[in-house]
Amino acid sequence: MNCNGNDTCKQIEWTVVCVNEFAKNFELTPRNAFHYLNAFGGIKFLMEHYVAEHMLSFDDAVDDLIFVCRQNGGGL
């Protein structure tokens, strides 16, 4: 995907990478990772906090996702 400066496109690309990194961390398919993150507030968190989160490493973003999802009842 070539975003050519489109901020929405960049946010989507970054979010996809975060979901894939989360999936790798837990040996999930990207689809299952997305469903888990969506169910337990991770996707909403990424969208609401993109400005700060995209400045962090993907490892830090995954750690934040783990924390947020656990706070919302997730069990991974």
Protein backbone atom coordinates (compact mmCIF):
# COMPACT_ATOMS: atom_id res chain seq x y z
CA MET A 1 0.00 0.00 0.00
CA ASN A 2 1.39 3.39 -0.95
CA CYS A 3 -0.06 6.09 1.28
CA ASN A 4 1.54 9.14 -0.35
CA GLY A 5 1.13 11.27 2.77
CA ASN A 6 -2.46 10.20 3.49
CA ASP A 7 -2.70 10.14 7.30
CA THR A 8 -5.66 7.75 7.39
CA CYS A 9 -3.84 5.33 5.13
CA LYS A 10 -0.72 5.52 7.34
CA GLN A 11 -2.82 4.82 10.43
CA ILE A 12 -4.41 1.79 8.77
CA GLU A 13 -1.02 0.45 7.66
CA TRP A 14 0.42 0.90 11.13
CA THR A 15 -2.60 -0.75 12.75
CA VAL A 16 -2.29 -3.76 10.43
CA VAL A 17 1.37 -4.15 11.42
CA CYS A 18 0.43 -3.94 15.12
CA VAL A 19 -2.21 -6.64 14.68
CA ASN A 20 0.30 -8.84 12.85
CA GLU A 21 2.93 -8.31 15.57
CA PHE A 22 0.34 -9.15 18.23
CA ALA A 23 -0.58 -12.28 16.26
CA LYS A 24 3.06 -13.39 16.08
CA ASN A 25 3.50 -12.80 19.80
CA PHE A 26 0.65 -15.18 20.64
CA GLU A 27 1.00 -17.54 17.65
CA LEU A 28 -2.42 -16.51 16.32
CA THR A 29 -3.55 -15.92 12.79
CA PRO A 30 -3.86 -12.22 11.97
CA ARG A 31 -7.61 -12.74 11.62
CA ASN A 32 -7.93 -14.26 15.09
CA ALA A 33 -5.69 -11.56 16.55
CA PHE A 34 -7.91 -8.87 15.02
CA HIS A 35 -11.06 -10.48 16.41
CA TYR A 36 -9.50 -10.74 19.88
CA LEU A 37 -8.23 -7.16 19.81
CA ASN A 38 -11.58 -5.91 18.56
CA ALA A 39 -13.49 -7.82 21.25
CA PHE A 40 -11.32 -6.56 24.12
CA GLY A 41 -10.77 -2.93 23.15
CA GLY A 42 -7.35 -3.18 21.52
CA ILE A 43 -8.39 -1.87 18.10
CA LYS A 44 -10.31 0.99 19.67
CA PHE A 45 -7.24 1.79 21.80
CA LEU A 46 -4.97 1.84 18.73
CA MET A 47 -7.35 4.16 16.88
CA GLU A 48 -7.80 6.55 19.82
CA HIS A 49 -4.12 6.68 20.77
CA TYR A 50 -2.45 6.44 17.37
CA VAL A 51 -0.68 9.79 17.71
CA ALA A 52 1.26 8.60 20.77
CA GLU A 53 1.42 4.86 20.07
CA HIS A 54 2.89 5.09 16.58
CA MET A 55 5.91 6.84 18.06
CA LEU A 56 6.71 3.73 20.12
CA SER A 57 8.28 0.47 19.02
CA PHE A 58 5.95 -2.28 17.89
CA ASP A 59 7.05 -4.29 20.95
CA ASP A 60 5.85 -1.45 23.18
CA ALA A 61 2.59 -1.18 21.25
CA VAL A 62 2.01 -4.93 21.67
CA ASP A 63 2.70 -4.63 25.40
CA ASP A 64 0.13 -1.82 25.59
CA LEU A 65 -2.38 -3.96 23.68
CA ILE A 66 -1.85 -6.84 26.10
CA PHE A 67 -2.46 -4.51 29.05
CA VAL A 68 -5.57 -2.88 27.53
CA CYS A 69 -7.13 -6.20 26.53
CA ARG A 70 -6.48 -7.74 29.94
CA GLN A 71 -8.09 -4.69 31.57
CA ASN A 72 -11.12 -5.36 29.39
CA GLY A 73 -11.42 -9.06 30.22
CA GLY A 74 -9.05 -10.59 27.67
CA GLY A 75 -7.26 -13.72 28.76
CA LEU A 76 -4.10 -13.80 26.62
